[in-house]
């Protein structure tokens, strides 16, 4: 079956990872899908990774092979520089003499009959790597929007007191339609308070404390998720959900429209069906949601029994 690395070459997902007293490495993640756009899950794949200098067909500065296993979401994770070396030394690459390109060759059967080949130029990340080798990188970021990391995809990155943090969205919607509250709580204010526009985790925990654990309502579904091996997912607050929507173009280019943020067609349903719940409550009867159509982009207060989409988030 023909297989492909889905959209990964449109924006190569790399993260700087520098280790003291050890060779430098660069993390690489890719979502692998077959020709039917289905995830290739829990499968060992064979990969050859090459760093090319000058052009997409340039000189090979470094080359290695690895045999990673896709996870339940079709995601492979590996560190370039940690594989079986074919040629070159990863730590010896002079990133200042770029441009550099990453060429990936993949055999979905786990061998070396590579049938999936793609090349993408490295832009900011190699220069961050060079900066880490040459000067202080206290003001630089090692993570970025669109990076597959922490069981999902990064939608925002920031620093507080010099420490890097960010918001990660799940790799797909957890539901295409689920109510904000269970029937017994559709007209009751959350006693612990779930009105923060910024802290969805606090909102979600307060909701679950009232409603009880379960996956029949939006916040409970998120808090019950173990996507990517993490159990700290939650229903985003209004501005966290806005971070997801602001990154929709990047998310959908990387994950594809089927797993990306749903972008409603106003001509089809006037923007009133496919919206996303936030965890921010407005009153006993309503909570905020985000409409996704061009004509209806904005925040709305709606009744809690309404079934809307859910995209979980977590922090790092």
Protein backbone atom coordinates (compact mmCIF):
# COMPACT_ATOMS: atom_id res chain seq x y z
CA UNK A 1 0.00 0.00 0.00
CA UNK A 2 1.34 3.40 -0.92
CA UNK A 3 2.09 5.42 2.19
CA UNK A 4 3.07 9.01 2.79
CA UNK A 5 4.33 11.33 5.51
CA UNK A 6 1.31 13.58 5.68
CA UNK A 7 2.11 17.27 5.20
CA UNK A 8 5.28 16.96 7.22
CA UNK A 9 7.43 18.27 4.39
CA UNK A 10 5.41 21.46 4.10
CA UNK A 11 6.95 22.55 7.37
CA UNK A 12 9.62 20.26 8.79
CA UNK A 13 9.00 19.64 12.47
CA UNK A 14 12.29 19.88 14.29
CA UNK A 15 13.21 20.80 17.82
CA UNK A 16 16.62 21.74 19.14
CA UNK A 17 17.89 19.40 21.80
CA UNK A 18 21.40 20.03 23.13
CA UNK A 19 22.99 17.62 25.58
CA UNK A 20 26.01 18.36 27.76
CA UNK A 21 28.97 16.04 27.21
CA UNK A 22 27.15 14.35 24.29
CA UNK A 23 26.60 14.95 20.55
CA UNK A 24 23.94 17.41 19.59
CA UNK A 25 20.69 15.95 18.35
CA UNK A 26 17.62 17.28 16.62
CA UNK A 27 14.18 15.84 17.34
CA UNK A 28 12.06 14.89 14.37
CA UNK A 29 8.38 13.92 14.34
CA UNK A 30 6.11 12.97 11.46
CA UNK A 31 2.51 11.87 11.07
CA UNK A 32 2.42 8.95 8.64
CA UNK A 33 -0.69 8.21 6.60
CA UNK A 34 -1.50 5.79 3.81
CA UNK A 35 -2.92 6.64 0.38
CA UNK A 36 -6.44 6.55 1.86
CA UNK A 37 -5.40 9.20 4.39
CA UNK A 38 -5.63 6.62 7.20
CA UNK A 39 -3.06 6.71 9.98
CA UNK A 40 -0.33 4.07 9.90
CA UNK A 41 -0.44 3.13 13.58
CA UNK A 42 1.70 0.96 15.87
CA UNK A 43 3.97 -0.04 13.00
CA UNK A 44 7.76 -0.21 12.68
CA UNK A 45 8.89 1.85 9.70
CA UNK A 46 12.35 2.06 8.18
CA UNK A 47 13.75 5.56 7.69
CA UNK A 48 16.86 7.05 6.15
CA UNK A 49 17.52 10.67 7.09
CA UNK A 50 20.06 12.85 5.29
CA UNK A 51 21.17 16.44 5.87
CA UNK A 52 21.91 18.06 2.50
CA UNK A 53 23.94 21.24 2.07
CA UNK A 54 23.24 23.94 -0.50
CA UNK A 55 20.13 22.62 -2.26
CA UNK A 56 17.52 19.82 -2.18
CA UNK A 57 19.97 17.75 -4.25
CA UNK A 58 23.11 19.08 -2.60
CA UNK A 59 26.05 17.44 -0.87
CA UNK A 60 25.22 15.01 1.92
CA UNK A 61 26.65 16.47 5.12
CA UNK A 62 25.27 13.70 7.30
CA UNK A 63 23.19 10.55 6.81
CA UNK A 64 21.77 7.86 9.10
CA UNK A 65 19.09 5.17 9.33
CA UNK A 66 16.52 4.49 12.06
CA UNK A 67 13.56 2.15 12.64
CA UNK A 68 11.00 4.07 14.72
CA UNK A 69 7.54 2.77 15.60
CA UNK A 70 4.44 4.86 14.92
CA UNK A 71 2.17 5.39 17.90
CA UNK A 72 -1.61 5.13 18.10
CA UNK A 73 -1.88 8.51 16.37
CA UNK A 74 0.42 7.53 13.48
CA UNK A 75 3.22 9.66 14.90
CA UNK A 76 6.91 8.71 14.67
CA UNK A 77 9.41 10.42 16.94
CA UNK A 78 13.18 10.16 16.61
CA UNK A 79 16.34 12.16 17.16
CA UNK A 80 18.47 12.96 14.16
CA UNK A 81 22.02 12.28 15.25
CA UNK A 82 21.13 9.19 17.27
CA UNK A 83 20.70 6.68 14.43
CA UNK A 84 23.01 4.24 12.66
CA UNK A 85 25.44 6.56 10.89
CA UNK A 86 25.94 6.07 7.16
CA UNK A 87 28.21 9.07 6.60
CA UNK A 88 29.31 12.28 8.27
CA UNK A 89 29.10 13.55 11.88
CA UNK A 90 25.98 15.38 12.97
CA UNK A 91 27.74 17.44 15.67
CA UNK A 92 30.32 18.61 13.12
CA UNK A 93 27.77 20.24 10.78
CA UNK A 94 28.52 23.94 10.39
CA UNK A 95 25.00 25.41 10.31
CA UNK A 96 26.39 28.84 9.37
CA UNK A 97 27.29 27.54 5.89
CA UNK A 98 23.72 26.71 4.87
CA UNK A 99 21.14 26.52 3.54
CA UNK A 100 20.56 22.96 4.69
CA UNK A 101 17.81 20.53 3.74
CA UNK A 102 16.47 17.38 5.40
CA UNK A 103 15.78 14.47 3.08
CA UNK A 104 13.66 11.63 4.48
CA UNK A 105 13.25 8.24 2.85
CA UNK A 106 10.74 5.85 4.41
CA UNK A 107 9.86 2.17 4.04
CA UNK A 108 6.45 1.53 5.68
CA UNK A 109 7.31 -2.18 5.87
CA UNK A 110 10.22 -1.48 8.23
CA UNK A 111 13.06 -2.31 5.84
CA UNK A 112 15.18 -0.26 3.46
CA UNK A 113 13.01 -0.43 0.34
CA UNK A 114 12.30 3.28 0.62
CA UNK A 115 9.18 4.28 -1.30
CA UNK A 116 8.40 7.61 0.39
CA UNK A 117 10.90 10.37 -0.34
CA UNK A 118 10.69 14.02 0.55
CA UNK A 119 12.98 16.99 1.10
CA UNK A 120 12.39 20.22 3.01
CA UNK A 121 14.57 23.22 3.76
CA UNK A 122 15.64 23.97 7.31
CA UNK A 123 15.07 27.60 8.23
CA UNK A 124 15.06 28.98 11.78
CA UNK A 125 15.78 25.84 13.78
CA UNK A 126 19.27 25.10 12.42
CA UNK A 127 20.24 28.69 13.15
CA UNK A 128 19.00 28.27 16.70
CA UNK A 129 21.19 25.17 16.88
CA UNK A 130 24.14 27.15 15.55
CA UNK A 131 23.41 29.90 18.06
CA UNK A 132 23.37 27.37 20.88
CA UNK A 133 26.85 26.24 19.82
CA UNK A 134 28.29 29.69 19.34
CA UNK A 135 26.56 32.15 21.66
CA UNK A 136 24.05 32.42 24.46
CA UNK A 137 20.56 31.42 23.35
CA UNK A 138 18.74 32.78 26.40
CA UNK A 139 16.49 34.88 24.19
CA UNK A 140 15.75 32.19 21.60
CA UNK A 141 13.02 29.57 21.48
CA UNK A 142 13.53 25.86 20.95
CA UNK A 143 9.80 25.21 20.32
CA UNK A 144 7.50 26.76 17.76
CA UNK A 145 3.93 26.80 16.44
CA UNK A 146 3.14 23.72 14.39
CA UNK A 147 5.68 21.49 16.14
CA UNK A 148 4.45 17.99 16.90
CA UNK A 149 5.36 17.75 20.56
CA UNK A 150 4.00 16.48 23.86
CA UNK A 151 1.33 14.28 22.32
CA UNK A 152 -0.13 17.03 20.14
CA UNK A 153 0.71 20.13 18.12
CA UNK A 154 1.98 23.40 19.59
CA UNK A 155 -0.32 26.41 19.03
CA UNK A 156 1.49 29.03 21.13
CA UNK A 157 4.91 29.52 22.74
CA UNK A 158 5.99 32.06 25.34
CA UNK A 159 8.47 32.61 28.17
CA UNK A 160 8.00 33.57 31.79
CA UNK A 161 11.08 34.43 33.86
CA UNK A 162 13.21 33.03 31.04
CA UNK A 163 11.49 29.63 31.09
CA UNK A 164 9.84 28.46 27.88
CA UNK A 165 6.18 27.41 27.98
CA UNK A 166 3.47 26.76 25.45
CA UNK A 167 0.02 25.42 24.66
CA UNK A 168 -0.46 22.09 22.87
CA UNK A 169 -3.64 21.12 21.03
CA UNK A 170 -4.69 17.50 20.52
CA UNK A 171 -3.98 15.93 17.13
CA UNK A 172 -7.69 15.74 16.35
CA UNK A 173 -11.04 16.78 17.76
CA UNK A 174 -12.10 14.61 20.68
CA UNK A 175 -15.71 14.95 19.57
CA UNK A 176 -17.65 16.39 16.65
CA UNK A 177 -20.62 17.07 18.91
CA UNK A 178 -20.97 16.85 22.69
CA UNK A 179 -22.81 19.04 25.25
CA UNK A 180 -21.04 21.37 27.66
CA UNK A 181 -22.95 19.91 30.64
CA UNK A 182 -24.72 16.70 31.54
CA UNK A 183 -28.54 16.95 31.79
CA UNK A 184 -28.51 17.39 35.56
CA UNK A 185 -26.22 20.44 35.32
CA UNK A 186 -27.52 22.30 32.26
CA UNK A 187 -28.92 25.16 34.35
CA UNK A 188 -26.59 25.16 37.35
CA UNK A 189 -23.55 27.38 37.85
CA UNK A 190 -20.31 25.49 38.51
CA UNK A 191 -19.77 25.87 42.24
CA UNK A 192 -15.98 25.97 42.07
CA UNK A 193 -16.03 28.69 39.44
CA UNK A 194 -15.36 28.06 35.74
CA UNK A 195 -15.33 31.59 34.38
CA UNK A 196 -11.63 32.17 33.66
CA UNK A 197 -10.91 33.28 30.08
CA UNK A 198 -7.27 32.16 30.42
CA UNK A 199 -7.07 29.10 32.69
CA UNK A 200 -8.92 26.21 31.08
CA UNK A 201 -7.34 23.67 33.39
CA UNK A 202 -8.80 25.38 36.47
CA UNK A 203 -12.15 25.68 34.71
CA UNK A 204 -12.13 22.03 33.66
CA UNK A 205 -11.17 20.76 37.09
CA UNK A 206 -13.97 22.79 38.68
CA UNK A 207 -16.48 21.44 36.15
CA UNK A 208 -15.44 17.83 36.69
CA UNK A 209 -15.51 18.30 40.47
CA UNK A 210 -19.18 19.30 40.11
CA UNK A 211 -20.35 17.04 37.30
CA UNK A 212 -18.27 13.97 38.16
CA UNK A 213 -15.73 12.16 35.98
CA UNK A 214 -16.99 10.96 32.65
CA UNK A 215 -16.79 11.39 28.90
CA UNK A 216 -20.39 12.45 28.21
CA UNK A 217 -19.71 16.18 28.41
CA UNK A 218 -16.97 18.45 27.04
CA UNK A 219 -14.67 19.08 30.02
CA UNK A 220 -15.03 15.51 31.31
CA UNK A 221 -14.11 14.13 27.89
CA UNK A 222 -10.94 16.22 27.80
CA UNK A 223 -9.88 15.41 31.37
CA UNK A 224 -10.43 11.68 30.67
CA UNK A 225 -8.22 11.75 27.57
CA UNK A 226 -4.83 10.01 27.56
CA UNK A 227 -3.90 11.02 24.01
CA UNK A 228 -0.20 10.68 23.28
CA UNK A 229 0.35 9.07 26.68
CA UNK A 230 -0.54 12.24 28.63
CA UNK A 231 -3.36 12.60 31.16
CA UNK A 232 -3.35 16.37 31.71
CA UNK A 233 -5.56 17.37 28.77
CA UNK A 234 -8.35 19.85 29.45
CA UNK A 235 -11.05 21.93 27.74
CA UNK A 236 -9.48 25.26 26.74
CA UNK A 237 -10.62 28.57 28.17
CA UNK A 238 -11.82 31.18 25.67
CA UNK A 239 -8.43 32.72 24.88
CA UNK A 240 -6.71 29.33 24.83
CA UNK A 241 -9.27 28.22 22.27
CA UNK A 242 -8.55 31.42 20.38
CA UNK A 243 -4.86 30.40 20.31
CA UNK A 244 -5.95 27.18 18.59
CA UNK A 245 -8.08 29.06 16.06
CA UNK A 246 -5.31 31.58 15.36
CA UNK A 247 -3.00 28.66 14.56
CA UNK A 248 -5.60 26.87 12.40
CA UNK A 249 -3.74 27.51 9.15
CA UNK A 250 -0.58 25.92 10.56
CA UNK A 251 -2.45 23.06 12.25
CA UNK A 252 -4.37 22.17 9.11
CA UNK A 253 -1.30 22.34 6.89
CA UNK A 254 0.47 19.89 9.19
CA UNK A 255 -2.37 17.56 10.20
CA UNK A 256 -4.65 17.94 7.18
CA UNK A 257 -8.22 19.18 7.18
CA UNK A 258 -9.62 15.88 8.48
CA UNK A 259 -7.66 16.18 11.74
CA UNK A 260 -7.08 19.92 11.77
CA UNK A 261 -9.37 22.56 13.20
CA UNK A 262 -12.80 22.39 11.61
CA UNK A 263 -13.23 25.44 9.37
CA UNK A 264 -16.94 25.90 8.82
CA UNK A 265 -18.51 26.75 5.49
CA UNK A 266 -21.03 29.55 6.11
CA UNK A 267 -22.79 28.85 2.83
CA UNK A 268 -23.55 25.34 4.05
CA UNK A 269 -25.01 25.91 7.51
CA UNK A 270 -24.70 29.60 8.35
CA UNK A 271 -21.97 28.84 10.87
CA UNK A 272 -24.39 27.59 13.50
CA UNK A 273 -23.51 23.88 13.67
CA UNK A 274 -19.77 23.28 13.78
CA UNK A 275 -18.37 25.33 16.62
CA UNK A 276 -15.97 24.62 19.48
CA UNK A 277 -16.77 24.64 23.18
CA UNK A 278 -14.58 26.55 25.61
CA UNK A 279 -14.52 25.77 29.32
CA UNK A 280 -15.48 29.35 30.21
CA UNK A 281 -18.94 29.52 31.75
CA UNK A 282 -21.04 32.68 31.43
CA UNK A 283 -23.97 31.87 33.72
CA UNK A 284 -26.09 28.98 34.96
CA UNK A 285 -27.46 28.30 31.49
CA UNK A 286 -24.65 29.18 29.13
CA UNK A 287 -20.98 28.94 28.22
CA UNK A 288 -18.78 30.49 25.56
CA UNK A 289 -18.11 28.77 22.26
CA UNK A 290 -16.14 29.70 19.13
CA UNK A 291 -17.84 29.68 15.74
CA UNK A 292 -15.45 28.82 12.92
CA UNK A 293 -17.05 30.19 9.76
CA UNK A 294 -15.88 33.35 8.08
CA UNK A 295 -19.20 35.08 8.64
CA UNK A 296 -19.62 33.96 12.23
CA UNK A 297 -16.08 34.13 13.58
CA UNK A 298 -16.40 35.35 17.15
CA UNK A 299 -17.46 34.45 20.66
CA UNK A 300 -20.98 33.47 21.56
CA UNK A 301 -22.84 32.54 24.70
CA UNK A 302 -25.05 29.50 24.17
CA UNK A 303 -27.03 26.95 26.11
CA UNK A 304 -25.06 24.16 27.73
CA UNK A 305 -27.04 21.22 26.21
CA UNK A 306 -25.98 22.27 22.69
CA UNK A 307 -23.64 19.72 21.05
CA UNK A 308 -20.45 21.33 19.73
CA UNK A 309 -16.96 20.19 18.82
CA UNK A 310 -14.19 19.68 21.36
CA UNK A 311 -10.43 20.11 20.90
CA UNK A 312 -8.41 19.32 24.01
CA UNK A 313 -5.27 21.22 25.06
CA UNK A 314 -2.44 20.79 27.53
CA UNK A 315 0.47 22.99 28.66
CA UNK A 316 4.22 22.54 28.84
